[in-house]
C-alpha atoms as a PDB file:
ATOM      1  CA  MET A   1       0.000   0.000   0.000  1.00  0.00           C
ATOM      2  CA  VAL A   2       1.425   3.383  -1.038  1.00  0.00           C
ATOM      3  CA  PRO A   3       1.299   5.904   1.851  1.00  0.00           C
ATOM      4  CA  PRO A   4      -0.510   9.173   1.150  1.00  0.00           C
ATOM      5  CA  GLU A   5       1.624  12.164   0.205  1.00  0.00           C
ATOM      6  CA  TYR A   6       2.476  14.572   2.987  1.00  0.00           C
ATOM      7  CA  ARG A   7       0.287  17.677   3.095  1.00  0.00           C
ATOM      8  CA  ILE A   8       1.863  20.962   4.090  1.00  0.00           C
ATOM      9  CA  GLY A   9       0.585  22.750   7.191  1.00  0.00           C
ATOM     10  CA  PRO A  10       1.224  25.849   9.340  1.00  0.00           C
ATOM     11  CA  GLY A  11       4.663  25.814  10.939  1.00  0.00           C
ATOM     12  CA  ASP A  12       6.266  23.709   8.217  1.00  0.00           C
ATOM     13  CA  VAL A  13       9.168  25.121   6.234  1.00  0.00           C
ATOM     14  CA  VAL A  14       9.181  24.563   2.466  1.00  0.00           C
ATOM     15  CA  TYR A  15      12.234  25.034   0.275  1.00  0.00           C
ATOM     16  CA  ILE A  16      11.474  26.274  -3.250  1.00  0.00           C
ATOM     17  CA  THR A  17      14.085  26.258  -5.996  1.00  0.00           C
ATOM     18  CA  VAL A  18      13.639  27.814  -9.443  1.00  0.00           C
ATOM     19  CA  TRP A  19      16.383  26.327 -11.591  1.00  0.00           C
ATOM     20  CA  ASP A  20      18.597  28.788 -13.480  1.00  0.00           C
ATOM     21  CA  HIS A  21      17.049  31.718 -11.599  1.00  0.00           C
ATOM     22  CA  PRO A  22      19.073  32.175  -8.392  1.00  0.00           C
ATOM     23  CA  HIS A  23      18.028  35.833  -8.234  1.00  0.00           C
ATOM     24  CA  LEU A  24      14.420  34.720  -7.750  1.00  0.00           C
ATOM     25  CA  ASN A  25      15.399  32.389  -4.930  1.00  0.00           C
ATOM     26  CA  LEU A  26      17.233  35.277  -3.241  1.00  0.00           C
ATOM     27  CA  ALA A  27      14.322  37.649  -3.804  1.00  0.00           C
ATOM     28  CA  ALA A  28      11.952  35.298  -2.009  1.00  0.00           C
ATOM     29  CA  GLY A  29      14.035  35.628   1.143  1.00  0.00           C
ATOM     30  CA  ILE A  30      14.323  39.418   0.849  1.00  0.00           C
ATOM     31  CA  LEU A  31      10.595  39.988   0.331  1.00  0.00           C
ATOM     32  CA  ASN A  32       9.253  37.528   2.856  1.00  0.00           C
ATOM     33  CA  GLN A  33       9.707  38.242   6.568  1.00  0.00           C
ATOM     34  CA  ASN A  34       8.798  34.596   7.269  1.00  0.00           C
ATOM     35  CA  SER A  35      11.739  33.322   5.231  1.00  0.00           C
ATOM     36  CA  THR A  36      14.415  31.342   7.017  1.00  0.00           C
ATOM     37  CA  PHE A  37      17.868  30.467   5.794  1.00  0.00           C
ATOM     38  CA  ASN A  38      16.542  27.104   4.670  1.00  0.00           C
ATOM     39  CA  GLY A  39      13.182  28.014   3.173  1.00  0.00           C
ATOM     40  CA  GLU A  40       9.764  29.595   3.544  1.00  0.00           C
ATOM     41  CA  LEU A  41       7.925  29.292   6.849  1.00  0.00           C
ATOM     42  CA  VAL A  42       4.227  28.530   6.432  1.00  0.00           C
ATOM     43  CA  SER A  43       2.335  31.106   8.487  1.00  0.00           C
ATOM     44  CA  ASN A  44      -0.369  30.372  11.046  1.00  0.00           C
ATOM     45  CA  ASN A  45      -3.031  30.996   8.401  1.00  0.00           C
ATOM     46  CA  GLY A  46      -1.400  28.444   6.106  1.00  0.00           C
ATOM     47  CA  THR A  47       0.131  30.822   3.553  1.00  0.00           C
ATOM     48  CA  ILE A  48       3.500  31.809   2.129  1.00  0.00           C
ATOM     49  CA  TYR A  49       4.459  34.778  -0.034  1.00  0.00           C
ATOM     50  CA  TYR A  50       6.381  34.162  -3.262  1.00  0.00           C
ATOM     51  CA  PRO A  51       7.653  36.763  -5.765  1.00  0.00           C
ATOM     52  CA  PHE A  52       5.513  37.298  -8.901  1.00  0.00           C
ATOM     53  CA  VAL A  53       2.872  34.969  -7.456  1.00  0.00           C
ATOM     54  CA  GLY A  54       1.863  36.700  -4.246  1.00  0.00           C
ATOM     55  CA  THR A  55       0.319  35.116  -1.195  1.00  0.00           C
ATOM     56  CA  VAL A  56      -0.352  31.415  -1.711  1.00  0.00           C
ATOM     57  CA  LYS A  57      -2.544  29.242   0.481  1.00  0.00           C
ATOM     58  CA  VAL A  58      -0.281  26.184   0.753  1.00  0.00           C
ATOM     59  CA  ALA A  59      -1.851  24.445   3.766  1.00  0.00           C
ATOM     60  CA  GLY A  60      -3.410  21.218   2.577  1.00  0.00           C
ATOM     61  CA  MET A  61      -1.273  21.034  -0.575  1.00  0.00           C
ATOM     62  CA  THR A  62       1.275  18.314  -1.225  1.00  0.00           C
ATOM     63  CA  PRO A  63       4.749  19.507  -2.289  1.00  0.00           C
ATOM     64  CA  ASN A  64       3.987  18.290  -5.821  1.00  0.00           C
ATOM     65  CA  GLN A  65       0.733  20.278  -5.937  1.00  0.00           C
ATOM     66  CA  LEU A  66       2.558  23.410  -4.779  1.00  0.00           C
ATOM     67  CA  ARG A  67       5.238  22.871  -7.421  1.00  0.00           C
ATOM     68  CA  LYS A  68       2.589  22.643 -10.157  1.00  0.00           C
ATOM     69  CA  TYR A  69       0.757  25.713  -8.833  1.00  0.00           C
ATOM     70  CA  LEU A  70       3.908  27.853  -8.785  1.00  0.00           C
ATOM     71  CA  THR A  71       4.978  26.565 -12.197  1.00  0.00           C
ATOM     72  CA  VAL A  72       1.710  27.728 -13.751  1.00  0.00           C
ATOM     73  CA  HIS A  73       1.783  31.150 -12.086  1.00  0.00           C
ATOM     74  CA  LEU A  74       5.444  31.852 -12.841  1.00  0.00           C
ATOM     75  CA  GLN A  75       4.985  31.228 -16.553  1.00  0.00           C
ATOM     76  CA  THR A  76       3.921  34.858 -16.974  1.00  0.00           C
ATOM     77  CA  VAL A  77       7.458  36.009 -16.099  1.00  0.00           C
ATOM     78  CA  ILE A  78       9.650  32.949 -16.787  1.00  0.00           C
ATOM     79  CA  ASN A  79       9.683  30.807 -19.909  1.00  0.00           C
ATOM     80  CA  ASN A  80       9.140  27.136 -18.975  1.00  0.00           C
ATOM     81  CA  PRO A  81      10.079  27.480 -15.291  1.00  0.00           C
ATOM     82  CA  LEU A  82      11.537  24.386 -13.630  1.00  0.00           C
ATOM     83  CA  LEU A  83      10.812  24.200  -9.924  1.00  0.00           C
ATOM     84  CA  GLY A  84      11.671  22.000  -7.015  1.00  0.00           C
ATOM     85  CA  VAL A  85       9.614  22.017  -3.815  1.00  0.00           C
ATOM     86  CA  ARG A  86      10.360  20.055  -0.675  1.00  0.00           C
ATOM     87  CA  VAL A  87       9.491  20.249   3.001  1.00  0.00           C
ATOM     88  CA  VAL A  88      12.670  20.784   5.009  1.00  0.00           C
ATOM     89  CA  ARG A  89      11.104  21.139   8.466  1.00  0.00           C
ATOM     90  CA  TYR A  90       8.013  19.356   9.718  1.00  0.00           C
ATOM     91  CA  ASP A  91       6.173  21.163  12.500  1.00  0.00           C
ATOM     92  CA  SER A  92       2.487  21.132  11.628  1.00  0.00           C
ATOM     93  CA  LYS A  93       1.617  17.531  12.504  1.00  0.00           C
ATOM     94  CA  ARG A  94       2.644  16.104  15.838  1.00  0.00           C
ATOM     95  CA  ILE A  95       2.024  13.267  18.244  1.00  0.00           C
ATOM     96  CA  GLU A  96       2.688  13.040  21.976  1.00  0.00           C
ATOM     97  CA  VAL A  97       4.539  10.217  23.738  1.00  0.00           C
ATOM     98  CA  THR A  98       4.044  10.119  27.514  1.00  0.00           C
ATOM     99  CA  GLY A  99       4.776   7.814  30.416  1.00  0.00           C
ATOM    100  CA  ALA A 100       7.700   5.458  30.942  1.00  0.00           C
ATOM    101  CA  VAL A 101       9.933   6.356  28.003  1.00  0.00           C
ATOM    102  CA  ALA A 102      13.399   7.906  28.038  1.00  0.00           C
ATOM    103  CA  LYS A 103      12.350  11.263  26.536  1.00  0.00           C
ATOM    104  CA  PRO A 104       8.600  11.976  26.822  1.00  0.00           C
ATOM    105  CA  GLY A 105       7.372  14.794  24.618  1.00  0.00           C
ATOM    106  CA  THR A 106       6.069  15.775  21.202  1.00  0.00           C
ATOM    107  CA  ILE A 107       7.329  14.197  17.981  1.00  0.00           C
ATOM    108  CA  PRO A 108       6.704  15.625  14.491  1.00  0.00           C
ATOM    109  CA  LEU A 109       5.165  13.445  11.800  1.00  0.00           C
ATOM    110  CA  THR A 110       6.970  13.632   8.471  1.00  0.00           C
ATOM    111  CA  ASN A 111       6.394  12.246   4.984  1.00  0.00           C
ATOM    112  CA  VAL A 112       7.547   8.850   6.298  1.00  0.00           C
ATOM    113  CA  PRO A 113       4.678   6.972   8.027  1.00  0.00           C
ATOM    114  CA  MET A 114       5.301   6.400  11.740  1.00  0.00           C
ATOM    115  CA  GLY A 115       4.028   3.444  13.731  1.00  0.00           C
ATOM    116  CA  LEU A 116       3.850   2.971  17.491  1.00  0.00           C
ATOM    117  CA  LEU A 117       7.233   1.232  17.694  1.00  0.00           C
ATOM    118  CA  GLN A 118       8.902   4.013  15.702  1.00  0.00           C
ATOM    119  CA  ALA A 119       7.344   6.599  18.040  1.00  0.00           C
ATOM    120  CA  ILE A 120       8.740   4.796  21.087  1.00  0.00           C
ATOM    121  CA  ASP A 121      12.154   4.704  19.425  1.00  0.00           C
ATOM    122  CA  ALA A 122      11.945   8.436  18.616  1.00  0.00           C
ATOM    123  CA  ALA A 123      11.161   9.055  22.306  1.00  0.00           C
ATOM    124  CA  GLY A 124      14.448   7.414  23.302  1.00  0.00           C
ATOM    125  CA  GLY A 125      13.070   3.919  23.871  1.00  0.00           C
ATOM    126  CA  LEU A 126      11.362   2.337  26.845  1.00  0.00           C
ATOM    127  CA  ALA A 127      12.452   3.357  30.336  1.00  0.00           C
ATOM    128  CA  SER A 128      13.795   0.730  32.718  1.00  0.00           C
ATOM    129  CA  ASP A 129      10.535   0.708  34.698  1.00  0.00           C
ATOM    130  CA  SER A 130       8.174   0.649  31.696  1.00  0.00           C
ATOM    131  CA  SER A 131       5.545  -1.978  31.044  1.00  0.00           C
ATOM    132  CA  ARG A 132       6.520  -4.467  28.366  1.00  0.00           C
ATOM    133  CA  ARG A 133       2.951  -5.744  28.122  1.00  0.00           C
ATOM    134  CA  GLU A 134       0.795  -2.918  26.839  1.00  0.00           C
ATOM    135  CA  ALA A 135       0.706   0.600  25.468  1.00  0.00           C
ATOM    136  CA  ILE A 136      -2.217   2.997  25.332  1.00  0.00           C
ATOM    137  CA  LEU A 137      -3.172   4.857  22.152  1.00  0.00           C
ATOM    138  CA  VAL A 138      -5.471   7.866  22.637  1.00  0.00           C
ATOM    139  CA  ARG A 139      -7.098   9.038  19.400  1.00  0.00           C
ATOM    140  CA  HIS A 140      -9.995  11.510  19.169  1.00  0.00           C
ATOM    141  CA  GLY A 141     -10.672  11.010  22.884  1.00  0.00           C
ATOM    142  CA  MET A 142     -10.890   7.204  22.615  1.00  0.00           C
ATOM    143  CA  ARG A 143      -8.448   4.872  24.393  1.00  0.00           C
ATOM    144  CA  TYR A 144      -7.112   1.753  22.674  1.00  0.00           C
ATOM    145  CA  GLN A 145      -4.971  -0.932  24.318  1.00  0.00           C
ATOM    146  CA  ILE A 146      -2.032  -2.053  22.175  1.00  0.00           C
ATOM    147  CA  ASP A 147      -0.432  -5.467  22.730  1.00  0.00           C
ATOM    148  CA  LEU A 148       3.109  -4.258  23.276  1.00  0.00           C
ATOM    149  CA  ALA A 149       4.396  -7.661  24.437  1.00  0.00           C
ATOM    150  CA  ASP A 150       3.706  -9.361  21.122  1.00  0.00           C
ATOM    151  CA  LEU A 151       4.825  -6.307  19.142  1.00  0.00           C
ATOM    152  CA  LEU A 152       8.206  -6.436  20.890  1.00  0.00           C
ATOM    153  CA  SER A 153       8.641 -10.206  20.931  1.00  0.00           C
ATOM    154  CA  GLY A 154       7.346 -11.051  17.469  1.00  0.00           C
ATOM    155  CA  ASN A 155       5.740 -14.220  18.885  1.00  0.00           C
ATOM    156  CA  ARG A 156       2.455 -13.303  17.237  1.00  0.00           C
ATOM    157  CA  ILE A 157       1.646 -11.049  14.301  1.00  0.00           C
ATOM    158  CA  VAL A 158       0.264  -7.835  15.785  1.00  0.00           C
ATOM    159  CA  PRO A 159      -0.309  -4.672  13.718  1.00  0.00           C
ATOM    160  CA  ASN A 160       2.034  -1.781  14.448  1.00  0.00           C
ATOM    161  CA  PRO A 161      -0.625   0.967  14.249  1.00  0.00           C
ATOM    162  CA  GLU A 162       0.201   3.890  11.978  1.00  0.00           C
ATOM    163  CA  LEU A 163      -0.064   7.141  13.902  1.00  0.00           C
ATOM    164  CA  GLU A 164      -2.106  10.190  12.984  1.00  0.00           C
ATOM    165  CA  PRO A 165      -1.674  13.859  13.923  1.00  0.00           C
ATOM    166  CA  GLY A 166      -2.886  14.491  17.470  1.00  0.00           C
ATOM    167  CA  ASP A 167      -2.412  10.897  18.659  1.00  0.00           C
ATOM    168  CA  ILE A 168      -1.133  10.326  22.188  1.00  0.00           C
ATOM    169  CA  ILE A 169       0.932   7.250  23.028  1.00  0.00           C
ATOM    170  CA  HIS A 170       1.146   6.423  26.731  1.00  0.00           C
ATOM    171  CA  ILE A 171       3.514   3.784  28.085  1.00  0.00           C
ATOM    172  CA  PRO A 172       2.491   2.692  31.614  1.00  0.00           C
ATOM    173  CA  ASP A 173       5.036   1.733  34.241  1.00  0.00           C
ATOM    174  CA  GLN A 174       5.306  -1.793  35.687  1.00  0.00           C
ATOM    175  CA  SER A 175       3.029  -1.226  38.670  1.00  0.00           C
ATOM    176  CA  ALA A 176       0.109  -3.013  37.001  1.00  0.00           C
ATOM    177  CA  ASP A 177       2.313  -5.852  35.714  1.00  0.00           C
ATOM    178  CA  GLN A 178       3.300  -7.261  39.094  1.00  0.00           C
ATOM    179  CA  VAL A 179       2.227 -10.581  40.574  1.00  0.00           C
ATOM    180  CA  PHE A 180       2.921 -11.429  44.222  1.00  0.00           C
ATOM    181  CA  ILE A 181       4.467 -14.668  45.459  1.00  0.00           C
ATOM    182  CA  LEU A 182       3.365 -15.416  49.027  1.00  0.00           C
ATOM    183  CA  GLY A 183       3.469 -18.384  51.369  1.00  0.00           C
ATOM    184  CA  ALA A 184       6.084 -21.129  51.673  1.00  0.00           C
ATOM    185  CA  VAL A 185       8.685 -19.800  49.266  1.00  0.00           C
ATOM    186  CA  ASN A 186      12.252 -18.677  49.929  1.00  0.00           C
ATOM    187  CA  SER A 187      11.536 -15.088  48.918  1.00  0.00           C
ATOM    188  CA  GLN A 188       8.138 -13.456  49.184  1.00  0.00           C
ATOM    189  CA  ARG A 189       8.331 -10.645  46.647  1.00  0.00           C
ATOM    190  CA  PRO A 190       6.547  -9.157  43.652  1.00  0.00           C
ATOM    191  CA  LEU A 191       7.529 -10.340  40.162  1.00  0.00           C
ATOM    192  CA  VAL A 192       7.065  -8.311  36.996  1.00  0.00           C
ATOM    193  CA  MET A 193       5.295  -9.966  34.075  1.00  0.00           C
ATOM    194  CA  THR A 194       7.011  -8.971  30.858  1.00  0.00           C
ATOM    195  CA  GLN A 195       4.662 -11.046  28.694  1.00  0.00           C
ATOM    196  CA  ASN A 196       0.915 -11.593  28.758  1.00  0.00           C
ATOM    197  CA  SER A 197       1.244 -14.764  30.790  1.00  0.00           C
ATOM    198  CA  MET A 198       3.670 -16.443  33.224  1.00  0.00           C
ATOM    199  CA  THR A 199       3.812 -20.049  34.406  1.00  0.00           C
ATOM    200  CA  LEU A 200       3.512 -20.874  38.099  1.00  0.00           C
ATOM    201  CA  MET A 201       7.062 -22.274  38.069  1.00  0.00           C
END
């Protein structure tokens, strides 16, 4: 299955190149206060300003759609313009990773699809006290339990859910994974279940 193309949003930075016209590339930076050294910052209202074209509503466009749009509108001043458009900073679409991971926080979604395991990796991996049994996905206010044990072990085929903007991944700690050994044993202590089941032995 081919993943959908990334759609530009507010906060992203797009880099636009007009081949054989370096003066136009320089002019874009001079005329646009939202320009950065590496491209054009998409404003909060989803627009950029580009010379000879004006203000362009780019939010919701793919880079290829923006390239075609600018190509058409620059033809009035440039004969057969050749453009390149790419997103060089992704800031408009984010997820949150919370709980027992090394670096909890927000993670940007890029043009490469991200699954739950990739999000955990981007957050620095699981903390030493994290549950190895389950993860919680919160999407549109709904909570979904993810079988983290089988995802990590590979013992059973479990989908690695693809994440969407606004998703929250929560990794619980081990407090709910403990079983207690009591009675006539050498050491009465809690044990942590790292899988979905554990034998009595």
